C-alpha atoms as a PDB file:
ATOM      1  CA  UNK A   1     -50.616   7.866  66.385  1.00  0.00           C
ATOM      2  CA  UNK A   2     -52.560   9.734  69.002  1.00  0.00           C
ATOM      3  CA  UNK A   3     -50.330  10.549  71.979  1.00  0.00           C
ATOM      4  CA  UNK A   4     -53.288  10.268  74.398  1.00  0.00           C
ATOM      5  CA  UNK A   5     -54.717   6.999  73.045  1.00  0.00           C
ATOM      6  CA  UNK A   6     -54.140   3.944  75.245  1.00  0.00           C
ATOM      7  CA  UNK A   7     -54.085   1.580  72.255  1.00  0.00           C
ATOM      8  CA  UNK A   8     -51.526   3.783  70.469  1.00  0.00           C
ATOM      9  CA  UNK A   9     -49.391   3.617  73.622  1.00  0.00           C
ATOM     10  CA  UNK A  10     -49.706  -0.187  73.641  1.00  0.00           C
ATOM     11  CA  UNK A  11     -48.801  -0.332  69.929  1.00  0.00           C
ATOM     12  CA  UNK A  12     -45.699   1.798  70.577  1.00  0.00           C
ATOM     13  CA  UNK A  13     -44.691  -0.362  73.538  1.00  0.00           C
ATOM     14  CA  UNK A  14     -45.153   2.429  76.095  1.00  0.00           C
ATOM     15  CA  UNK A  15     -47.776   0.362  77.947  1.00  0.00           C
ATOM     16  CA  UNK A  16     -47.185  -3.382  78.348  1.00  0.00           C
ATOM     17  CA  UNK A  17     -49.662  -5.884  76.961  1.00  0.00           C
ATOM     18  CA  UNK A  18     -49.770  -9.657  76.710  1.00  0.00           C
ATOM     19  CA  UNK A  19     -49.271  -9.812  72.947  1.00  0.00           C
ATOM     20  CA  UNK A  20     -50.425 -12.804  70.946  1.00  0.00           C
ATOM     21  CA  UNK A  21     -49.740 -11.529  67.402  1.00  0.00           C
ATOM     22  CA  UNK A  22     -47.908  -8.614  65.827  1.00  0.00           C
ATOM     23  CA  UNK A  23     -46.828  -7.547  62.371  1.00  0.00           C
ATOM     24  CA  UNK A  24     -46.008  -4.191  60.773  1.00  0.00           C
ATOM     25  CA  UNK A  25     -49.663  -3.100  60.657  1.00  0.00           C
ATOM     26  CA  UNK A  26     -51.626  -5.024  63.301  1.00  0.00           C
ATOM     27  CA  UNK A  27     -51.282  -5.916  66.976  1.00  0.00           C
ATOM     28  CA  UNK A  28     -53.337  -8.478  68.922  1.00  0.00           C
ATOM     29  CA  UNK A  29     -53.240  -8.804  72.699  1.00  0.00           C
ATOM     30  CA  UNK A  30     -55.231 -10.266  75.580  1.00  0.00           C
ATOM     31  CA  UNK A  31     -57.956  -8.018  77.002  1.00  0.00           C
ATOM     32  CA  UNK A  32     -57.249  -7.012  80.611  1.00  0.00           C
ATOM     33  CA  UNK A  33     -60.957  -7.414  81.504  1.00  0.00           C
ATOM     34  CA  UNK A  34     -61.978 -10.534  79.576  1.00  0.00           C
ATOM     35  CA  UNK A  35     -65.638 -11.445  79.169  1.00  0.00           C
ATOM     36  CA  UNK A  36     -64.835 -14.925  77.833  1.00  0.00           C
ATOM     37  CA  UNK A  37     -62.014 -17.430  78.442  1.00  0.00           C
ATOM     38  CA  UNK A  38     -60.438 -16.173  75.212  1.00  0.00           C
ATOM     39  CA  UNK A  39     -60.791 -12.416  74.752  1.00  0.00           C
ATOM     40  CA  UNK A  40     -58.318 -10.850  72.354  1.00  0.00           C
ATOM     41  CA  UNK A  41     -58.189  -7.228  71.181  1.00  0.00           C
ATOM     42  CA  UNK A  42     -56.988  -6.707  67.606  1.00  0.00           C
ATOM     43  CA  UNK A  43     -55.979  -3.199  66.540  1.00  0.00           C
ATOM     44  CA  UNK A  44     -54.415  -1.484  63.578  1.00  0.00           C
ATOM     45  CA  UNK A  45     -51.163   0.141  64.681  1.00  0.00           C
ATOM     46  CA  UNK A  46     -52.215   3.292  62.839  1.00  0.00           C
ATOM     47  CA  UNK A  47     -54.755   5.358  64.742  1.00  0.00           C
ATOM     48  CA  UNK A  48     -58.284   5.411  63.339  1.00  0.00           C
ATOM     49  CA  UNK A  49     -60.838   6.486  65.977  1.00  0.00           C
ATOM     50  CA  UNK A  50     -63.654   4.411  64.414  1.00  0.00           C
ATOM     51  CA  UNK A  51     -64.404   2.365  61.323  1.00  0.00           C
ATOM     52  CA  UNK A  52     -66.023   5.521  59.931  1.00  0.00           C
ATOM     53  CA  UNK A  53     -62.630   7.246  60.032  1.00  0.00           C
ATOM     54  CA  UNK A  54     -60.735   4.791  57.825  1.00  0.00           C
ATOM     55  CA  UNK A  55     -60.210   6.515  54.463  1.00  0.00           C
ATOM     56  CA  UNK A  56     -61.271   4.489  51.428  1.00  0.00           C
ATOM     57  CA  UNK A  57     -57.670   4.320  50.216  1.00  0.00           C
ATOM     58  CA  UNK A  58     -56.673   2.656  53.513  1.00  0.00           C
ATOM     59  CA  UNK A  59     -59.485   0.101  53.816  1.00  0.00           C
ATOM     60  CA  UNK A  60     -56.938  -2.653  53.115  1.00  0.00           C
ATOM     61  CA  UNK A  61     -56.154  -2.439  56.842  1.00  0.00           C
ATOM     62  CA  UNK A  62     -59.373  -4.394  57.390  1.00  0.00           C
ATOM     63  CA  UNK A  63     -58.080  -7.377  55.403  1.00  0.00           C
ATOM     64  CA  UNK A  64     -54.851  -7.226  57.410  1.00  0.00           C
ATOM     65  CA  UNK A  65     -56.851  -7.255  60.634  1.00  0.00           C
ATOM     66  CA  UNK A  66     -58.940 -10.219  59.490  1.00  0.00           C
ATOM     67  CA  UNK A  67     -55.783 -12.085  58.453  1.00  0.00           C
ATOM     68  CA  UNK A  68     -54.424 -11.458  61.953  1.00  0.00           C
ATOM     69  CA  UNK A  69     -57.690 -12.695  63.490  1.00  0.00           C
ATOM     70  CA  UNK A  70     -57.375 -15.937  61.493  1.00  0.00           C
ATOM     71  CA  UNK A  71     -53.900 -16.447  62.978  1.00  0.00           C
ATOM     72  CA  UNK A  72     -55.044 -15.548  66.495  1.00  0.00           C
ATOM     73  CA  UNK A  73     -57.943 -18.022  66.502  1.00  0.00           C
ATOM     74  CA  UNK A  74     -55.609 -20.779  65.311  1.00  0.00           C
ATOM     75  CA  UNK A  75     -53.056 -19.909  68.005  1.00  0.00           C
ATOM     76  CA  UNK A  76     -55.709 -19.858  70.743  1.00  0.00           C
ATOM     77  CA  UNK A  77     -57.323 -23.054  69.420  1.00  0.00           C
ATOM     78  CA  UNK A  78     -60.811 -21.569  69.083  1.00  0.00           C
ATOM     79  CA  UNK A  79     -60.972 -21.574  65.261  1.00  0.00           C
ATOM     80  CA  UNK A  80     -62.885 -24.842  64.964  1.00  0.00           C
ATOM     81  CA  UNK A  81     -64.926 -24.593  68.168  1.00  0.00           C
ATOM     82  CA  UNK A  82     -66.276 -21.154  67.322  1.00  0.00           C
ATOM     83  CA  UNK A  83     -65.620 -17.534  68.110  1.00  0.00           C
ATOM     84  CA  UNK A  84     -67.208 -14.120  67.785  1.00  0.00           C
ATOM     85  CA  UNK A  85     -65.636 -10.969  66.368  1.00  0.00           C
ATOM     86  CA  UNK A  86     -67.076  -7.651  67.465  1.00  0.00           C
ATOM     87  CA  UNK A  87     -66.361  -4.150  66.196  1.00  0.00           C
ATOM     88  CA  UNK A  88     -68.210  -1.468  68.155  1.00  0.00           C
ATOM     89  CA  UNK A  89     -68.454   1.846  66.328  1.00  0.00           C
ATOM     90  CA  UNK A  90     -69.213   4.950  68.366  1.00  0.00           C
ATOM     91  CA  UNK A  91     -70.700   5.407  71.794  1.00  0.00           C
ATOM     92  CA  UNK A  92     -74.223   4.004  71.290  1.00  0.00           C
ATOM     93  CA  UNK A  93     -72.691   0.755  70.015  1.00  0.00           C
ATOM     94  CA  UNK A  94     -70.566   0.472  73.146  1.00  0.00           C
ATOM     95  CA  UNK A  95     -67.221   1.778  71.891  1.00  0.00           C
ATOM     96  CA  UNK A  96     -65.255   2.991  74.910  1.00  0.00           C
ATOM     97  CA  UNK A  97     -61.765   3.450  73.470  1.00  0.00           C
ATOM     98  CA  UNK A  98     -61.728   5.512  70.313  1.00  0.00           C
ATOM     99  CA  UNK A  99     -59.086   3.578  68.431  1.00  0.00           C
ATOM    100  CA  UNK A 100     -60.776   1.121  66.084  1.00  0.00           C
ATOM    101  CA  UNK A 101     -60.460  -2.341  67.587  1.00  0.00           C
ATOM    102  CA  UNK A 102     -61.960  -5.769  67.222  1.00  0.00           C
ATOM    103  CA  UNK A 103     -62.834  -8.087  70.095  1.00  0.00           C
ATOM    104  CA  UNK A 104     -62.301 -11.793  69.449  1.00  0.00           C
ATOM    105  CA  UNK A 105     -64.259 -13.889  71.950  1.00  0.00           C
ATOM    106  CA  UNK A 106     -64.306 -17.650  72.411  1.00  0.00           C
ATOM    107  CA  UNK A 107     -63.537 -20.550  74.674  1.00  0.00           C
ATOM    108  CA  UNK A 108     -67.130 -21.080  75.830  1.00  0.00           C
ATOM    109  CA  UNK A 109     -70.617 -21.141  74.292  1.00  0.00           C
ATOM    110  CA  UNK A 110     -71.510 -17.547  73.517  1.00  0.00           C
ATOM    111  CA  UNK A 111     -75.193 -18.001  72.740  1.00  0.00           C
ATOM    112  CA  UNK A 112     -77.148 -16.027  70.219  1.00  0.00           C
ATOM    113  CA  UNK A 113     -77.327 -12.266  69.964  1.00  0.00           C
ATOM    114  CA  UNK A 114     -80.589 -10.405  69.960  1.00  0.00           C
END
Protein backbone atom coordinates (compact mmCIF):
# COMPACT_ATOMS: atom_id res chain seq x y z
CA UNK A 1 0.00 0.00 0.00
CA UNK A 2 1.03 3.54 -0.70
CA UNK A 3 0.48 5.72 2.37
CA UNK A 4 -0.30 8.77 0.20
CA UNK A 5 -2.69 7.05 -2.23
CA UNK A 6 -6.37 7.91 -1.76
CA UNK A 7 -7.51 4.51 -3.04
CA UNK A 8 -5.13 2.73 -0.64
CA UNK A 9 -6.64 4.80 2.18
CA UNK A 10 -10.15 3.78 1.06
CA UNK A 11 -9.07 0.11 0.87
CA UNK A 12 -7.68 0.31 4.42
CA UNK A 13 -10.85 1.98 5.69
CA UNK A 14 -9.11 5.26 6.56
CA UNK A 15 -11.38 7.16 4.15
CA UNK A 16 -15.07 6.20 4.00
CA UNK A 17 -16.61 5.02 0.75
CA UNK A 18 -20.02 3.70 -0.25
CA UNK A 19 -18.89 0.12 -0.83
CA UNK A 20 -20.82 -2.19 -3.11
CA UNK A 21 -18.46 -5.20 -3.15
CA UNK A 22 -15.41 -6.34 -1.22
CA UNK A 23 -13.32 -9.47 -0.91
CA UNK A 24 -9.74 -10.16 0.16
CA UNK A 25 -8.26 -8.73 -3.06
CA UNK A 26 -10.76 -6.30 -4.61
CA UNK A 27 -12.93 -3.39 -3.48
CA UNK A 28 -15.76 -1.74 -5.44
CA UNK A 29 -17.41 1.51 -4.40
CA UNK A 30 -19.55 4.31 -5.80
CA UNK A 31 -17.66 7.15 -7.48
CA UNK A 32 -18.08 10.45 -5.62
CA UNK A 33 -18.35 12.35 -8.94
CA UNK A 34 -20.44 10.02 -11.10
CA UNK A 35 -20.73 10.59 -14.84
CA UNK A 36 -23.58 8.08 -15.21
CA UNK A 37 -26.44 6.95 -12.95
CA UNK A 38 -24.31 3.92 -12.08
CA UNK A 39 -20.62 4.75 -11.71
CA UNK A 40 -18.60 2.26 -9.70
CA UNK A 41 -14.84 2.25 -9.10
CA UNK A 42 -13.23 -1.19 -8.83
CA UNK A 43 -9.71 -1.42 -7.41
CA UNK A 44 -7.25 -4.07 -6.37
CA UNK A 45 -6.51 -3.67 -2.67
CA UNK A 46 -2.81 -4.02 -3.46
CA UNK A 47 -1.27 -0.86 -4.87
CA UNK A 48 -0.32 -0.94 -8.55
CA UNK A 49 0.04 2.59 -9.99
CA UNK A 50 -1.02 1.49 -13.51
CA UNK A 51 -1.74 -1.64 -15.50
CA UNK A 52 1.87 -1.41 -16.70
CA UNK A 53 3.05 -1.92 -13.12
CA UNK A 54 1.33 -5.26 -12.48
CA UNK A 55 4.06 -7.92 -12.52
CA UNK A 56 3.38 -10.90 -14.78
CA UNK A 57 3.24 -13.22 -11.77
CA UNK A 58 0.41 -11.09 -10.31
CA UNK A 59 -1.75 -10.66 -13.42
CA UNK A 60 -4.35 -12.96 -11.83
CA UNK A 61 -5.56 -9.82 -10.04
CA UNK A 62 -7.20 -8.85 -13.33
CA UNK A 63 -9.41 -11.95 -13.31
CA UNK A 64 -10.35 -11.17 -9.71
CA UNK A 65 -11.29 -7.64 -10.72
CA UNK A 66 -13.40 -8.86 -13.63
CA UNK A 67 -15.12 -11.39 -11.36
CA UNK A 68 -15.94 -8.52 -9.00
CA UNK A 69 -17.25 -6.44 -11.92
CA UNK A 70 -19.59 -9.30 -12.88
CA UNK A 71 -20.99 -9.27 -9.33
CA UNK A 72 -21.27 -5.48 -9.25
CA UNK A 73 -23.23 -5.26 -12.51
CA UNK A 74 -25.64 -7.92 -11.25
CA UNK A 75 -26.08 -6.09 -7.93
CA UNK A 76 -26.69 -2.75 -9.67
CA UNK A 77 -29.01 -4.36 -12.24
CA UNK A 78 -27.11 -3.07 -15.27
CA UNK A 79 -25.75 -6.44 -16.46
CA UNK A 80 -28.45 -7.06 -19.05
CA UNK A 81 -29.12 -3.44 -20.04
CA UNK A 82 -25.48 -2.72 -20.78
CA UNK A 83 -22.47 -1.15 -19.16
CA UNK A 84 -19.00 0.11 -19.99
CA UNK A 85 -15.76 -0.73 -18.21
CA UNK A 86 -12.90 1.73 -18.53
CA UNK A 87 -9.28 1.41 -17.44
CA UNK A 88 -7.27 4.57 -18.05
CA UNK A 89 -3.52 4.01 -18.05
CA UNK A 90 -1.28 7.02 -17.53
CA UNK A 91 -1.89 10.72 -17.90
CA UNK A 92 -2.61 11.00 -21.64
CA UNK A 93 -5.35 8.38 -21.26
CA UNK A 94 -6.97 10.40 -18.48
CA UNK A 95 -5.70 8.57 -15.40
CA UNK A 96 -5.86 10.99 -12.48
CA UNK A 97 -5.33 8.69 -9.49
CA UNK A 98 -2.30 6.47 -9.87
CA UNK A 99 -3.73 3.33 -8.32
CA UNK A 100 -4.99 1.05 -11.08
CA UNK A 101 -8.77 1.25 -11.14
CA UNK A 102 -11.65 0.39 -13.39
CA UNK A 103 -14.72 2.55 -13.94
CA UNK A 104 -17.99 0.69 -14.43
CA UNK A 105 -20.60 2.94 -16.04
CA UNK A 106 -24.25 2.24 -16.79
CA UNK A 107 -27.83 3.14 -16.09
CA UNK A 108 -28.32 5.20 -19.26
CA UNK A 109 -27.43 4.95 -22.96
CA UNK A 110 -23.72 5.63 -23.22
CA UNK A 111 -23.44 6.01 -26.98
CA UNK A 112 -20.49 4.99 -29.06
CA UNK A 113 -16.89 5.95 -28.47
CA UNK A 114 -14.79 7.58 -31.13
